[in-house]
Amino acid sequence: MDTPQSADRTAAKTALRDQVLAARKRRPLGAAADFAADVARVATGWAAVRDAATVAAYVSVGGEPGTGLLLDALVAAGKRVLLPVLLPDNDLDWGVYDGPASIMKAVRGLYEPAGARLGVDAVRTADLVLVPGLAVSPGGDRLGRGGGSYDRALARVPAGTPVAVVLYDDEVGLAVPSDPHDVRVGFALTAGGVVPLSGSPGTR
């Protein structure tokens, strides 16, 4: 049963989601392409990426900051790349990304790997986890879409594994309401650079 405080947080999250999604719709058409190129360059220069053998990431859709070039750059750098598969209960299974031909359309307008499913615990094998989001606070509170899929997945990530939310620069450092079940992230990955978040430096 929701308390008045949790209801207030839910309303505040909904308002912030609406604000960020409206701002994404107003971005110039070229902004997504510019972001995709810049964030791939930033990511491949980040020590956490260089040191990782396996990276869990995702395929961006709609107005999300683009990850297509980033995924291909990770594969070109010899990384094993895991992509999520949304399950009926909103949990996340995982599969391997081997290039654009290895993904297919899925539910809710998403894309997922076409190959074998590795199980929900496969995210534990990642040396770095990149997640989608709409905003993040200075302390690492991440605003997602509200389905809870990534909070469940991130709860399985071993302590000390770097977790970064991929965002536009102006979506970093916002006041994000948080609930007890929300899992903080350690970094924001943007076209302008990697931003350490003070709430959980170096960890999730």
Protein backbone atom coordinates (compact mmCIF):
# COMPACT_ATOMS: atom_id res chain seq x y z
CA MET A 1 0.00 0.00 0.00
CA ASP A 2 1.38 3.36 -1.01
CA THR A 3 2.12 5.92 1.69
CA PRO A 4 1.54 9.62 1.03
CA GLN A 5 5.32 10.02 0.70
CA SER A 6 5.64 7.22 -1.89
CA ALA A 7 2.67 8.61 -3.82
CA ASP A 8 4.38 12.00 -3.88
CA ARG A 9 7.59 10.41 -5.18
CA THR A 10 5.67 8.55 -7.88
CA ALA A 11 4.01 11.78 -8.99
CA ALA A 12 7.35 13.61 -9.00
CA LYS A 13 8.97 10.86 -11.09
CA THR A 14 6.11 10.99 -13.58
CA ALA A 15 6.45 14.76 -13.89
CA LEU A 16 10.21 14.54 -14.45
CA ARG A 17 9.77 11.76 -17.03
CA ASP A 18 7.30 13.91 -18.94
CA GLN A 19 9.70 16.86 -18.79
CA VAL A 20 12.69 14.89 -20.08
CA LEU A 21 10.73 13.11 -22.81
CA ALA A 22 9.32 16.42 -24.03
CA ALA A 23 12.85 17.89 -24.14
CA ARG A 24 14.09 14.89 -26.14
CA LYS A 25 11.34 15.42 -28.71
CA ARG A 26 12.48 19.03 -29.16
CA ARG A 27 16.10 18.09 -29.91
CA PRO A 28 17.27 18.81 -33.47
CA LEU A 29 17.27 15.83 -35.80
CA GLY A 30 21.05 15.89 -36.04
CA ALA A 31 21.51 15.77 -32.27
CA ALA A 32 21.08 12.00 -32.06
CA ALA A 33 23.64 11.35 -34.79
CA ASP A 34 26.15 13.74 -33.24
CA PHE A 35 25.64 12.12 -29.83
CA ALA A 36 26.08 8.60 -31.18
CA ALA A 37 29.47 9.43 -32.70
CA ASP A 38 30.70 11.41 -29.71
CA VAL A 39 29.62 8.91 -27.04
CA ALA A 40 31.29 6.05 -28.93
CA ARG A 41 34.53 8.05 -28.89
CA VAL A 42 34.18 8.94 -25.21
CA ALA A 43 33.36 5.38 -24.19
CA THR A 44 36.24 3.74 -26.03
CA GLY A 45 38.61 6.17 -24.34
CA TRP A 46 37.29 5.36 -20.85
CA ALA A 47 39.56 3.11 -18.77
CA ALA A 48 36.57 1.07 -17.54
CA VAL A 49 35.77 0.18 -21.15
CA ARG A 50 39.38 -0.47 -22.13
CA ASP A 51 39.81 -2.82 -19.17
CA ALA A 52 36.53 -4.70 -19.68
CA ALA A 53 36.31 -8.06 -21.40
CA THR A 54 32.49 -8.15 -21.26
CA VAL A 55 30.21 -5.11 -21.44
CA ALA A 56 26.45 -5.26 -20.84
CA ALA A 57 24.74 -2.59 -22.93
CA TYR A 58 21.46 -2.06 -24.83
CA VAL A 59 20.04 -0.95 -28.18
CA SER A 60 18.69 2.60 -28.03
CA VAL A 61 15.23 3.27 -29.47
CA GLY A 62 13.13 6.33 -30.23
CA GLY A 63 14.47 9.53 -28.73
CA GLU A 64 17.03 7.80 -26.51
CA PRO A 65 20.68 8.84 -26.83
CA GLY A 66 22.01 6.66 -29.63
CA THR A 67 24.06 3.55 -28.82
CA GLY A 68 24.38 1.95 -32.27
CA LEU A 69 27.87 3.24 -33.04
CA LEU A 70 28.92 2.54 -29.45
CA LEU A 71 27.88 -1.12 -29.71
CA ASP A 72 29.82 -1.57 -32.93
CA ALA A 73 32.85 0.21 -31.45
CA LEU A 74 32.80 -2.17 -28.48
CA VAL A 75 32.70 -5.20 -30.77
CA ALA A 76 35.49 -3.73 -32.92
CA ALA A 77 37.56 -3.32 -29.76
CA GLY A 78 37.22 -7.03 -29.05
CA LYS A 79 34.64 -6.78 -26.26
CA ARG A 80 31.99 -9.39 -25.61
CA VAL A 81 28.77 -7.36 -25.63
CA LEU A 82 25.62 -8.49 -23.85
CA LEU A 83 22.20 -7.07 -24.71
CA PRO A 84 18.99 -7.40 -22.68
CA VAL A 85 15.91 -9.40 -23.58
CA LEU A 86 12.72 -8.19 -21.88
CA LEU A 87 10.85 -11.09 -20.28
CA PRO A 88 7.07 -11.24 -19.72
CA ASP A 89 7.55 -10.47 -16.02
CA ASN A 90 9.68 -7.38 -16.88
CA ASP A 91 12.92 -9.05 -15.78
CA LEU A 92 15.87 -9.08 -18.18
CA ASP A 93 17.46 -12.08 -19.87
CA TRP A 94 20.65 -11.53 -21.92
CA GLY A 95 22.19 -12.49 -25.25
CA VAL A 96 25.35 -11.68 -27.19
CA TYR A 97 25.61 -8.84 -29.75
CA ASP A 98 27.73 -9.66 -32.79
CA GLY A 99 26.81 -6.71 -35.01
CA PRO A 100 23.65 -5.17 -36.50
CA ALA A 101 22.63 -8.44 -38.17
CA SER A 102 22.50 -10.16 -34.76
CA ILE A 103 19.52 -8.18 -33.41
CA MET A 104 15.82 -8.38 -34.15
CA LYS A 105 12.64 -6.47 -33.37
CA ALA A 106 11.01 -7.35 -30.07
CA VAL A 107 8.08 -6.29 -27.89
CA ARG A 108 7.30 -2.65 -27.07
CA GLY A 109 9.35 -1.30 -29.95
CA LEU A 110 12.58 -2.72 -28.52
CA TYR A 111 15.37 -4.69 -30.19
CA GLU A 112 17.01 -7.77 -28.74
CA PRO A 113 19.75 -10.26 -29.67
CA ALA A 114 18.59 -13.03 -31.98
CA GLY A 115 20.91 -15.68 -30.57
CA ALA A 116 20.86 -17.94 -27.55
CA ARG A 117 19.52 -16.71 -24.24
CA LEU A 118 22.08 -16.74 -21.43
CA GLY A 119 19.78 -16.30 -18.42
CA VAL A 120 19.06 -13.44 -16.05
CA ASP A 121 22.30 -13.99 -14.14
CA ALA A 122 24.47 -13.41 -17.22
CA VAL A 123 24.75 -9.74 -16.26
CA ARG A 124 26.92 -10.88 -13.35
CA THR A 125 29.68 -11.69 -15.85
CA ALA A 126 29.90 -8.12 -17.15
CA ASP A 127 32.93 -6.04 -16.23
CA LEU A 128 30.98 -2.86 -17.05
CA VAL A 129 27.24 -2.25 -17.34
CA LEU A 130 25.71 0.50 -19.49
CA VAL A 131 22.04 1.23 -18.84
CA PRO A 132 19.38 3.51 -20.32
CA GLY A 133 17.69 6.24 -18.37
CA LEU A 134 16.02 9.62 -18.52
CA ALA A 135 17.99 11.49 -15.87
CA VAL A 136 20.39 10.99 -12.99
CA SER A 137 21.05 12.90 -9.80
CA PRO A 138 24.52 13.96 -8.57
CA GLY A 139 24.31 11.08 -6.10
CA GLY A 140 23.53 8.43 -8.72
CA ASP A 141 19.75 8.18 -8.42
CA ARG A 142 18.65 7.09 -11.91
CA LEU A 143 15.26 7.84 -13.44
CA GLY A 144 14.08 5.03 -15.68
CA ARG A 145 10.85 4.35 -17.49
CA GLY A 146 9.17 2.96 -14.40
CA GLY A 147 9.02 -0.74 -15.22
CA GLY A 148 11.67 -1.76 -12.70
CA SER A 149 13.53 -4.04 -15.15
CA TYR A 150 16.94 -2.49 -14.61
CA ASP A 151 16.58 -2.23 -10.84
CA ARG A 152 16.10 -6.01 -10.81
CA ALA A 153 19.02 -6.58 -13.16
CA LEU A 154 21.37 -4.18 -11.36
CA ALA A 155 20.65 -5.88 -8.03
CA ARG A 156 22.52 -8.88 -9.50
CA VAL A 157 25.60 -6.91 -10.52
CA PRO A 158 28.53 -7.59 -8.16
CA ALA A 159 29.58 -4.70 -5.94
CA GLY A 160 32.46 -2.78 -7.47
CA THR A 161 31.38 -3.32 -11.09
CA PRO A 162 31.11 0.08 -12.81
CA VAL A 163 27.57 0.93 -13.89
CA ALA A 164 26.93 3.95 -16.13
CA VAL A 165 23.68 5.46 -17.37
CA VAL A 166 23.87 6.82 -20.94
CA LEU A 167 22.38 10.32 -21.11
CA TYR A 168 22.47 13.66 -22.86
CA ASP A 169 24.65 16.10 -20.93
CA ASP A 170 21.73 18.22 -19.69
CA GLU A 171 20.03 15.16 -18.16
CA VAL A 172 22.86 14.70 -15.63
CA GLY A 173 22.73 16.31 -12.19
CA LEU A 174 18.95 16.69 -11.94
CA ALA A 175 16.91 16.22 -8.77
CA VAL A 176 15.66 12.64 -9.19
CA PRO A 177 13.23 11.29 -6.58
CA SER A 178 14.20 7.82 -5.35
CA ASP A 179 12.48 4.88 -3.69
CA PRO A 180 14.07 2.23 -1.46
CA HIS A 181 14.12 -0.33 -4.32
CA ASP A 182 15.90 2.01 -6.74
CA VAL A 183 19.51 1.00 -7.46
CA ARG A 184 22.04 3.82 -7.78
CA VAL A 185 24.57 4.02 -10.60
CA GLY A 186 28.17 5.15 -10.35
CA PHE A 187 28.62 7.11 -13.58
CA ALA A 188 26.88 8.99 -16.35
CA LEU A 189 28.22 8.40 -19.85
CA THR A 190 27.55 11.39 -22.11
CA ALA A 191 28.84 12.82 -25.36
CA GLY A 192 30.79 15.32 -23.26
CA GLY A 193 32.55 12.77 -21.08
CA VAL A 194 32.21 10.32 -18.20
CA VAL A 195 30.70 11.90 -15.08
CA PRO A 196 31.44 10.20 -11.73
CA LEU A 197 28.44 10.37 -9.41
CA SER A 198 29.13 11.10 -5.79
CA GLY A 199 26.67 8.68 -4.26
CA SER A 200 28.46 5.56 -5.39
CA PRO A 201 31.91 6.27 -6.87
CA GLY A 202 33.27 3.32 -8.80
CA THR A 203 30.34 1.06 -7.96
CA ARG A 204 26.71 0.58 -8.74
